[in-house]
Protein backbone atom coordinates (compact mmCIF):
# COMPACT_ATOMS: atom_id res chain seq x y z
CA MET A 1 12.10 -39.56 23.43
CA GLN A 2 15.41 -40.87 24.43
CA GLN A 3 15.20 -38.93 27.69
CA THR A 4 11.82 -40.61 28.42
CA GLU A 5 13.06 -44.10 27.55
CA GLN A 6 16.04 -43.46 29.93
CA ASN A 7 13.73 -42.11 32.86
CA GLU A 8 11.51 -45.33 32.52
CA SER A 9 14.81 -47.67 32.49
CA ASP A 10 15.93 -45.89 35.69
CA ARG A 11 12.56 -46.46 37.18
CA THR A 12 12.65 -50.08 36.36
CA GLU A 13 16.13 -50.68 37.71
CA SER A 14 15.24 -48.76 40.96
CA ALA A 15 12.32 -51.00 41.49
CA MET A 16 14.43 -53.85 41.06
CA VAL A 17 17.25 -52.59 43.33
CA GLU A 18 14.24 -52.01 45.94
CA SER A 19 12.88 -55.39 45.28
CA ASN A 20 16.32 -57.12 45.96
CA GLU A 21 16.79 -54.98 48.86
CA GLU A 22 13.52 -56.10 50.40
CA ARG A 23 14.18 -59.64 49.90
CA LEU A 24 17.76 -59.53 51.44
CA ARG A 25 16.15 -57.69 54.32
CA ARG A 26 13.39 -60.34 54.99
CA GLU A 27 16.20 -63.13 54.56
CA VAL A 28 18.58 -61.25 57.23
CA GLU A 29 15.33 -61.13 59.57
CA SER A 30 14.59 -64.65 59.03
CA LEU A 31 18.25 -65.65 60.04
CA LYS A 32 18.14 -63.49 62.99
CA ARG A 33 14.86 -65.18 64.21
CA GLN A 34 16.46 -68.72 63.50
CA LEU A 35 19.63 -67.63 65.49
CA GLU A 36 17.13 -66.21 68.45
CA GLU A 37 15.45 -69.61 68.19
CA HIS A 38 18.55 -71.70 68.26
CA LYS A 39 19.98 -69.57 71.26
CA ARG A 40 16.66 -70.31 73.31
CA GLN A 41 17.13 -74.10 72.27
CA LEU A 42 20.52 -74.14 73.56
CA LYS A 43 19.97 -72.06 76.60
CA PRO A 44 19.84 -74.86 79.63
CA THR A 45 16.80 -74.74 82.24
CA HIS A 46 17.17 -74.20 85.85
CA ALA A 47 17.19 -77.68 86.50
CA GLU A 48 19.79 -78.70 83.54
CA ALA A 49 22.03 -75.93 85.03
CA HIS A 50 22.59 -77.54 88.20
CA VAL A 51 23.07 -80.81 86.37
CA GLY A 52 25.50 -79.15 84.17
CA ALA A 53 23.91 -78.85 80.62
CA PRO A 54 26.38 -78.88 77.48
CA HIS A 55 26.85 -75.45 76.18
CA PRO A 56 26.85 -74.68 71.88
CA SER A 57 30.05 -75.10 70.42
CA ARG A 58 32.34 -72.29 69.36
CA SER A 59 32.26 -73.40 65.64
CA THR A 60 28.52 -73.32 65.41
CA LEU A 61 28.55 -69.57 66.69
CA MET A 62 31.20 -68.62 64.28
CA LEU A 63 29.17 -70.27 61.41
CA ILE A 64 26.15 -68.28 62.32
CA VAL A 65 27.94 -65.05 62.35
CA ALA A 66 29.53 -65.69 59.14
CA ALA A 67 26.23 -66.44 57.62
CA ILE A 68 24.99 -62.99 58.84
CA LEU A 69 28.02 -61.41 57.47
CA VAL A 70 27.79 -62.77 54.05
CA LEU A 71 24.13 -61.94 54.00
CA VAL A 72 24.93 -58.07 54.66
CA LEU A 73 27.83 -58.15 52.12
CA VAL A 74 25.32 -59.60 49.66
CA ALA A 75 22.59 -56.91 50.53
CA PHE A 76 25.49 -54.20 50.10
CA PHE A 77 26.47 -55.35 46.64
CA ALA A 78 23.01 -55.92 45.49
CA GLY A 79 21.57 -52.55 46.49
CA TYR A 80 23.96 -49.77 47.71
CA ALA A 81 26.68 -50.42 45.13
CA PRO A 82 24.33 -50.30 41.92
CA ARG A 83 22.54 -47.27 43.32
CA ARG A 84 25.92 -45.28 43.64
CA LYS A 85 27.01 -46.36 40.40
CA ARG A 86 23.84 -45.17 38.88
CA GLU A 87 24.14 -41.89 40.61
CA GLY A 88 27.60 -41.55 39.53
CA THR A 89 26.61 -42.22 36.00
CA ILE A 90 23.71 -39.59 36.00
CA VAL A 91 26.25 -36.85 37.53
CA ALA A 92 28.69 -37.70 34.85
CA GLU A 93 26.17 -37.27 31.90
CA ALA A 94 24.88 -34.13 33.40
CA SER A 95 28.62 -32.79 33.56
CA ALA A 96 28.99 -33.93 30.00
CA GLN A 97 25.86 -32.41 28.92
CA SER A 98 26.83 -28.81 30.60
CA MET A 99 30.29 -29.16 29.09
CA ALA A 100 29.04 -29.99 25.48
CA ILE A 101 28.97 -27.52 22.71
CA PRO A 102 25.59 -26.58 21.28
CA THR A 103 24.51 -27.26 17.83
CA VAL A 104 22.98 -24.45 15.95
CA ASN A 105 21.63 -24.47 12.16
CA VAL A 106 22.95 -21.82 10.03
CA THR A 107 22.58 -20.48 6.37
CA LEU A 108 24.54 -18.05 4.46
CA ALA A 109 23.27 -14.43 3.56
CA GLU A 110 23.40 -14.16 0.00
CA ARG A 111 22.47 -11.22 -2.61
CA SER A 112 19.15 -11.13 -3.74
CA ASP A 113 18.59 -10.98 -7.51
CA ALA A 114 19.42 -7.26 -9.27
CA ASN A 115 15.97 -7.74 -11.29
CA SER A 116 13.32 -7.37 -8.52
CA ALA A 117 9.69 -6.95 -8.58
CA MET A 118 8.22 -4.50 -6.63
CA VAL A 119 4.53 -5.04 -5.75
CA LEU A 120 2.39 -2.15 -4.72
CA PRO A 121 -1.21 -1.40 -4.16
CA GLY A 122 -2.99 0.98 -6.40
CA ASN A 123 -6.23 2.69 -7.09
CA VAL A 124 -7.62 2.86 -10.82
CA GLN A 125 -8.86 5.89 -11.89
CA ALA A 126 -10.43 7.04 -15.09
CA ILE A 127 -8.31 8.55 -17.92
CA THR A 128 -10.67 11.45 -17.96
CA GLU A 129 -13.59 12.06 -15.72
CA ALA A 130 -15.75 15.27 -15.75
CA PRO A 131 -18.98 16.49 -14.15
CA ILE A 132 -21.74 17.93 -16.60
CA LEU A 133 -23.45 20.92 -15.15
CA ALA A 134 -26.47 23.13 -16.71
CA ARG A 135 -25.36 26.39 -18.38
CA SER A 136 -29.12 27.63 -18.41
CA ASP A 137 -31.97 27.90 -15.54
CA GLY A 138 -35.07 25.76 -16.51
CA TYR A 139 -36.85 22.47 -16.18
CA VAL A 140 -35.52 18.94 -17.74
CA LYS A 141 -37.61 18.36 -20.77
CA LYS A 142 -36.37 15.14 -21.54
CA ARG A 143 -33.48 12.66 -20.51
CA TYR A 144 -31.69 10.51 -23.02
CA ALA A 145 -28.98 8.87 -20.87
CA ASP A 146 -28.57 6.91 -17.74
CA ILE A 147 -26.04 5.45 -15.65
CA GLY A 148 -23.94 2.84 -17.37
CA ASP A 149 -24.56 4.12 -20.82
CA ARG A 150 -21.63 4.32 -23.35
CA VAL A 151 -22.26 7.55 -24.94
CA ARG A 152 -20.26 9.23 -28.03
CA LYS A 153 -18.77 12.88 -28.02
CA GLY A 154 -21.67 15.07 -28.95
CA GLN A 155 -24.38 12.68 -28.27
CA VAL A 156 -27.43 14.54 -26.64
CA LEU A 157 -27.97 13.60 -23.15
CA ALA A 158 -30.79 15.52 -22.07
CA GLU A 159 -32.99 18.72 -23.12
CA ILE A 160 -33.82 21.74 -21.04
CA GLU A 161 -36.98 23.76 -21.32
CA ALA A 162 -36.03 27.44 -20.77
CA PRO A 163 -38.74 29.92 -21.71
CA GLU A 164 -37.17 32.99 -20.10
CA LEU A 165 -33.92 32.48 -22.03
CA ASP A 166 -36.09 31.70 -25.44
CA GLN A 167 -37.58 35.05 -24.71
CA GLN A 168 -34.44 36.95 -24.21
CA VAL A 169 -33.16 35.38 -27.41
CA THR A 170 -36.26 36.96 -29.21
CA GLN A 171 -35.82 40.13 -27.54
CA GLY A 172 -31.89 40.23 -28.62
CA ALA A 173 -32.90 39.65 -32.11
CA ALA A 174 -35.40 42.54 -31.88
CA ASN A 175 -32.95 44.74 -30.45
CA LEU A 176 -30.86 43.92 -33.19
CA GLN A 177 -33.21 44.78 -35.85
CA GLN A 178 -34.01 48.09 -34.14
CA THR A 179 -30.08 49.09 -33.94
CA GLU A 180 -29.65 47.89 -37.52
CA ALA A 181 -32.74 50.49 -38.64
CA ALA A 182 -31.03 53.30 -36.34
CA LEU A 183 -27.93 52.56 -38.52
CA GLU A 184 -29.85 52.88 -41.96
CA GLN A 185 -31.38 56.27 -40.38
CA ALA A 186 -27.86 57.36 -39.43
CA ASN A 187 -26.43 56.52 -42.87
CA ALA A 188 -29.29 58.57 -44.42
CA ASN A 189 -28.74 61.63 -42.10
CA TYR A 190 -24.97 61.47 -43.22
CA GLN A 191 -25.95 61.40 -46.62
CA GLN A 192 -28.12 64.47 -46.18
CA GLY A 193 -25.27 66.26 -44.07
CA LYS A 194 -23.04 65.50 -46.77
CA ALA A 195 -24.95 67.05 -49.30
CA ASN A 196 -25.80 69.93 -47.28
CA GLU A 197 -22.13 70.32 -46.67
CA GLN A 198 -21.25 70.29 -50.45
CA LEU A 199 -23.92 73.00 -51.09
CA ALA A 200 -22.55 75.18 -48.30
CA LYS A 201 -18.93 74.65 -49.64
CA VAL A 202 -20.07 75.74 -53.02
CA THR A 203 -22.19 78.83 -51.71
CA ALA A 204 -19.34 79.53 -49.44
CA THR A 205 -16.68 79.58 -52.31
CA ARG A 206 -19.03 81.70 -54.64
CA TRP A 207 -19.51 84.40 -52.01
CA GLN A 208 -15.74 84.52 -51.14
CA HIS A 209 -15.07 85.17 -54.97
CA LEU A 210 -17.72 88.06 -55.03
CA ALA A 211 -16.21 89.54 -51.66
CA SER A 212 -12.88 89.49 -53.19
CA LYS A 213 -14.11 91.76 -56.06
CA GLY A 214 -16.31 93.91 -53.95
CA ALA A 215 -19.26 92.85 -54.98
CA VAL A 216 -20.83 91.67 -51.90
CA SER A 217 -20.30 92.74 -48.47
CA LEU A 218 -17.85 91.26 -46.05
CA GLN A 219 -20.68 90.42 -43.55
CA GLU A 220 -22.40 88.34 -46.03
CA ASN A 221 -19.17 86.48 -46.96
CA ASP A 222 -18.69 85.72 -43.54
CA GLN A 223 -21.97 84.25 -42.78
CA TYR A 224 -21.76 81.74 -45.54
CA GLN A 225 -18.34 80.93 -44.59
CA ALA A 226 -19.66 80.05 -41.11
CA GLN A 227 -22.37 78.19 -42.53
CA TYR A 228 -20.00 76.11 -44.52
CA GLN A 229 -18.10 75.12 -41.32
CA ALA A 230 -21.14 74.34 -39.42
CA GLN A 231 -22.00 71.77 -42.28
CA VAL A 232 -18.73 70.26 -42.01
CA ALA A 233 -19.05 69.86 -38.16
CA ASN A 234 -22.35 68.55 -38.58
CA LEU A 235 -21.03 65.91 -41.15
CA THR A 236 -18.37 64.72 -38.74
CA ALA A 237 -21.34 64.01 -36.26
CA LEU A 238 -23.19 62.42 -38.66
CA GLU A 239 -20.04 60.24 -39.37
CA LYS A 240 -19.70 59.70 -35.52
CA ALA A 241 -23.46 58.82 -35.26
CA VAL A 242 -22.96 56.06 -38.19
CA ALA A 243 -19.90 54.81 -36.39
CA ALA A 244 -21.89 54.43 -33.21
CA ALA A 245 -24.93 52.74 -34.57
CA ARG A 246 -22.53 50.11 -36.15
CA SER A 247 -20.97 49.64 -32.61
CA ASN A 248 -24.50 49.15 -31.30
CA ILE A 249 -25.26 46.51 -34.14
CA ALA A 250 -22.02 44.83 -33.00
CA ALA A 251 -23.09 44.76 -29.53
CA MET A 252 -26.50 43.60 -30.22
CA GLN A 253 -25.05 40.72 -32.52
CA ALA A 254 -22.65 39.64 -29.71
CA ASN A 255 -25.34 39.72 -27.24
CA LEU A 256 -27.73 37.74 -29.57
CA ALA A 257 -24.99 35.21 -30.09
CA ARG A 258 -24.40 34.95 -26.45
CA LEU A 259 -28.06 34.24 -25.75
CA LYS A 260 -28.27 31.93 -28.76
CA GLU A 261 -25.22 29.93 -27.39
CA LEU A 262 -26.76 29.71 -23.97
CA GLN A 263 -30.01 28.39 -25.79
CA SER A 264 -27.68 25.79 -27.38
CA TYR A 265 -26.99 24.38 -24.11
CA GLU A 266 -30.73 23.52 -23.48
CA LYS A 267 -29.60 20.47 -25.22
CA VAL A 268 -26.83 19.08 -22.90
CA THR A 269 -24.26 16.91 -24.94
CA ALA A 270 -21.44 14.69 -24.05
CA PRO A 271 -17.94 16.33 -24.04
CA PHE A 272 -16.29 13.22 -24.97
CA SER A 273 -16.98 9.64 -25.61
CA GLY A 274 -17.13 7.57 -22.35
CA ILE A 275 -19.47 6.19 -19.75
CA ILE A 276 -22.32 7.92 -17.59
CA THR A 277 -21.31 7.17 -14.11
CA VAL A 278 -23.64 9.46 -12.27
CA ARG A 279 -27.07 10.65 -13.53
CA ASN A 280 -28.66 13.27 -10.81
CA ILE A 281 -31.82 14.46 -12.77
CA ASP A 282 -35.06 13.47 -14.41
CA ALA A 283 -37.69 14.69 -16.62
CA GLY A 284 -39.38 17.61 -14.91
CA ALA A 285 -36.81 18.54 -12.61
CA LEU A 286 -35.77 22.11 -11.74
CA ILE A 287 -32.16 22.86 -12.46
CA SER A 288 -29.90 25.86 -11.79
CA ALA A 289 -27.33 27.07 -14.16
CA ASN A 290 -23.75 26.22 -13.14
CA SER A 291 -24.83 24.54 -10.04
CA THR A 292 -26.99 21.61 -10.58
CA LEU A 293 -24.93 18.35 -11.38
CA LEU A 294 -26.70 16.64 -14.28
CA PHE A 295 -24.67 13.85 -15.22
CA ARG A 296 -20.83 12.58 -14.62
CA ILE A 297 -19.05 11.07 -17.56
CA ALA A 298 -15.91 9.01 -17.42
CA GLN A 299 -13.47 7.97 -20.39
CA THR A 300 -12.42 4.38 -19.42
CA ASP A 301 -10.89 2.96 -22.62
CA ARG A 302 -7.75 3.94 -20.85
CA LEU A 303 -7.45 4.12 -17.17
CA ARG A 304 -4.86 5.62 -14.84
CA VAL A 305 -3.58 3.76 -11.63
CA TYR A 306 -1.90 5.76 -8.77
CA VAL A 307 0.62 4.06 -6.66
CA ASN A 308 2.59 5.28 -3.90
CA VAL A 309 6.45 4.09 -4.10
CA PRO A 310 8.45 4.03 -0.75
CA GLN A 311 11.43 6.41 -0.42
CA ALA A 312 13.76 3.41 -0.61
CA ASN A 313 12.56 2.36 -4.23
CA VAL A 314 12.14 5.85 -5.60
CA ALA A 315 15.55 5.48 -7.63
CA ALA A 316 14.31 2.44 -9.50
CA VAL A 317 11.24 4.14 -10.82
CA ARG A 318 11.38 6.01 -14.05
CA THR A 319 8.83 7.15 -16.71
CA GLY A 320 8.43 4.68 -19.38
CA GLN A 321 9.05 1.60 -17.10
CA GLN A 322 6.93 -1.37 -17.65
CA ALA A 323 4.55 -2.52 -15.07
CA SER A 324 1.73 -5.47 -14.57
CA LEU A 325 -1.36 -5.36 -12.82
CA ASP A 326 -3.20 -7.94 -11.23
CA PHE A 327 -6.84 -7.92 -10.14
CA SER A 328 -8.23 -10.38 -7.50
CA GLU A 329 -11.75 -10.02 -9.29
CA ILE A 330 -10.12 -11.27 -12.68
CA PRO A 331 -7.80 -14.29 -11.71
CA GLY A 332 -5.37 -15.67 -13.98
CA ARG A 333 -5.23 -12.41 -16.32
CA GLU A 334 -2.35 -9.89 -16.10
CA PHE A 335 -2.73 -6.41 -17.53
CA ALA A 336 0.22 -4.71 -19.14
CA GLY A 337 0.92 -0.93 -18.24
CA THR A 338 3.49 1.74 -18.52
CA VAL A 339 4.51 4.31 -16.07
CA THR A 340 3.62 7.66 -17.73
CA ARG A 341 4.66 10.34 -15.03
CA THR A 342 5.53 10.81 -11.13
CA ALA A 343 5.04 13.68 -8.91
CA ASN A 344 9.06 14.30 -8.90
CA ALA A 345 8.61 15.05 -5.05
CA LEU A 346 8.05 12.84 -2.05
CA ASP A 347 4.83 13.28 0.13
CA PRO A 348 6.49 14.33 3.62
CA SER A 349 3.71 12.51 5.85
CA SER A 350 4.22 9.06 4.06
CA ARG A 351 7.74 9.42 2.49
CA THR A 352 6.45 7.93 -0.71
CA LEU A 353 6.40 9.14 -4.52
CA LEU A 354 3.00 9.22 -6.34
CA THR A 355 3.32 7.42 -9.55
CA GLU A 356 0.97 7.14 -12.42
CA VAL A 357 0.88 3.94 -14.27
CA GLN A 358 -1.60 3.89 -17.53
CA VAL A 359 -3.38 0.53 -18.78
CA ALA A 360 -5.24 -0.05 -21.90
CA ASN A 361 -8.95 -1.11 -21.31
CA PRO A 362 -10.17 -1.72 -24.84
CA ASP A 363 -12.82 -4.46 -23.60
CA GLY A 364 -14.10 -2.72 -20.63
CA VAL A 365 -13.46 -5.07 -18.17
CA LEU A 366 -11.75 -2.78 -15.64
CA PHE A 367 -13.75 0.11 -13.84
CA PRO A 368 -12.66 3.06 -12.06
CA GLY A 369 -12.19 2.70 -8.28
CA MET A 370 -10.94 -1.08 -8.45
CA TYR A 371 -8.03 -1.81 -6.31
CA ALA A 372 -5.09 -3.21 -8.00
CA GLN A 373 -1.48 -4.77 -7.34
CA VAL A 374 0.88 -3.17 -9.26
CA LYS A 375 4.10 -4.97 -9.99
CA LEU A 376 7.08 -2.65 -11.15
CA ASP A 377 10.12 -4.60 -12.51
CA THR A 378 13.27 -2.91 -10.96
CA ASN A 379 16.87 -3.10 -11.71
CA ARG A 380 18.74 -2.57 -8.43
CA ILE A 381 22.77 -1.70 -8.48
CA LYS A 382 23.23 -3.15 -5.26
CA PRO A 383 20.69 -5.80 -4.31
CA PRO A 384 19.98 -6.26 -0.59
CA LEU A 385 21.07 -9.35 1.18
CA LEU A 386 18.56 -12.21 1.78
CA ILE A 387 18.14 -14.27 5.00
CA PRO A 388 15.45 -16.61 6.24
CA GLY A 389 12.62 -14.76 8.23
CA ASP A 390 12.98 -16.70 11.51
CA ALA A 391 16.66 -15.78 11.65
CA LEU A 392 15.76 -12.31 13.01
CA ILE A 393 16.05 -11.48 16.93
CA THR A 394 13.71 -8.86 18.01
CA ARG A 395 14.83 -7.47 21.38
CA ALA A 396 14.48 -3.74 23.06
CA SER A 397 17.88 -2.77 21.53
CA GLY A 398 16.49 -3.36 17.82
CA THR A 399 16.51 -6.19 15.31
CA LEU A 400 19.29 -8.43 15.59
CA ALA A 401 20.92 -11.29 13.75
CA ALA A 402 23.26 -13.94 15.14
CA VAL A 403 26.10 -14.37 13.18
CA VAL A 404 28.68 -17.42 13.70
CA SER A 405 32.32 -16.56 12.81
CA ALA A 406 35.04 -18.51 11.69
CA ASP A 407 36.01 -19.75 15.09
CA HIS A 408 32.58 -20.96 15.62
CA VAL A 409 31.64 -18.02 18.12
CA ILE A 410 28.28 -16.10 18.08
CA HIS A 411 28.22 -12.47 17.56
CA LEU A 412 24.84 -10.65 17.74
CA GLN A 413 24.77 -7.94 14.80
CA ASN A 414 22.16 -4.92 14.44
CA VAL A 415 20.53 -5.08 11.17
CA THR A 416 18.22 -2.97 8.84
CA VAL A 417 15.54 -5.08 7.16
CA GLY A 418 13.86 -4.13 4.01
CA ARG A 419 10.95 -5.84 2.39
CA ASP A 420 9.47 -8.87 3.85
CA TYR A 421 8.68 -11.64 1.57
CA GLY A 422 7.11 -14.12 4.10
CA ASN A 423 9.74 -16.86 4.15
CA THR A 424 12.91 -14.58 3.47
CA ILE A 425 13.47 -10.63 4.25
CA GLU A 426 16.04 -8.42 2.78
CA VAL A 427 18.78 -6.89 4.75
CA ALA A 428 19.85 -3.49 4.07
CA ASN A 429 22.66 -3.04 6.71
CA GLY A 430 24.44 -4.92 9.27
CA LEU A 431 25.61 -8.12 7.43
CA GLU A 432 28.16 -8.95 4.88
CA GLU A 433 27.44 -11.45 2.03
CA GLY A 434 28.50 -15.10 3.00
CA ASP A 435 27.92 -14.42 6.64
CA ALA A 436 26.76 -17.83 8.35
CA VAL A 437 23.37 -16.46 10.12
CA VAL A 438 21.70 -18.87 12.78
CA VAL A 439 18.24 -19.93 11.78
CA ASN A 440 15.48 -20.13 14.35
CA PRO A 441 17.94 -19.11 17.32
CA THR A 442 17.32 -20.71 20.46
CA ASP A 443 18.18 -19.38 24.23
CA VAL A 444 21.78 -20.94 23.75
CA VAL A 445 22.32 -18.32 21.09
CA ARG A 446 24.08 -15.36 22.99
CA GLU A 447 26.71 -13.01 22.42
CA GLY A 448 30.44 -15.00 22.56
CA ALA A 449 28.89 -18.32 22.91
CA LYS A 450 30.71 -21.36 21.54
CA VAL A 451 28.70 -23.38 18.85
CA ASN A 452 28.64 -26.14 16.52
CA PRO A 453 27.27 -24.59 13.22
CA VAL A 454 25.59 -26.86 10.77
CA PRO A 455 24.59 -25.78 7.31
CA ILE A 456 20.76 -26.05 7.25
CA SER A 457 20.92 -27.99 3.88
CA GLU A 458 23.14 -30.72 5.86
CA LYS A 459 20.52 -31.16 8.49
CA PRO A 460 19.42 -34.81 8.74
CA ALA A 461 15.76 -35.04 7.34
CA ALA A 462 15.00 -37.54 10.02
CA LYS A 463 15.33 -34.84 12.69
CA GLY A 464 12.61 -32.95 10.79
CA ALA A 465 14.59 -29.92 9.51
CA GLY A 466 14.62 -29.93 6.01
CA ALA A 467 15.87 -27.08 3.80
CA ARG A 468 14.25 -24.10 4.25
């Protein structure tokens, strides 16, 4: 503004000087014309020359010459001298401006608070979520639940009609009865074999006694002794048959129990209390065991939120640490959470630590799949320095900050930046606490330049640079 006013003043002064010069030039021209006119009047005609006309006096000529000189001097001092003075003033001002020390605004690099809040994006997931598949082939007889329904543990969600499985259960029960009958027959055979063995034993004992007295022949005694041994072997075989029949019964009972267990899956129940998030079947739909997805259920009374903590902040995260969650869909409300576990290993692709934060959801206002802003309060042993965001200089050599030394000389320092808070930014390396950093550096800020530092808080408000 001042430069514009100065230019306007110079143009006005130049116009005034040019006007004076024109006026003096016209006056000089007028005096010259009067002098010529006077000379013509004084010049004698041819007739008067012979008669001897009078010549102009010397004093008259000197007076005219003096007047001309006076006009020339007046024109010189009124035009040329002011112009030379103005040009000298401009040159002097330009020289003084080039020699003047530029003024820069500086602020001190200060430590950030030891207690810092780290805000990270997170994905909300159900604490427990499971797909529900059919365990038996058949058709959907009836459906009792739909998406969004809150169900209890053990509640029936659907019924499956499986006639083939029902026939298998009936056949299994018949096979069990048949095996039980076979066991009874084996027991009867065993009892008969046992009686035969006892009879053979008594007979063999008697013939052995008679043979020892010579009452009977040895051939007959050997025959009865062999019959007794055959009955003993037969009794052992009958014992094995009874054991086999019992094993068959156990196998049939297990098979029948398996079939009945599969038959129980004809009623699809909820494995835990939660919300039905997916429903893929309807009445009459054909389903295949272990492949058809019937429902998906999620437990949402407590949710887990996964966040990825950067490597630089991994040391500040620990199990049991308190956290708070904000949701843009629920303004003005903050949810309390707790860090329950971490992966204890960094993802090599992103250099982040997967961290789980659990949050209670008793009123069900939060849903799986939501986006959350997770704020973790961290206590840093050595907090980084903070400087204004517009104090950084980005060049091909890297990120720099202009530091003013005690002798008011600029030194450009390479810095390593941390988290960006918008108006301020963290500096991990490159600066010391208390360094005077130039704010909003211009072209005058260069290595080794002499400057006049002005703390930003002392900058006059009239110049439009209040404290940042």
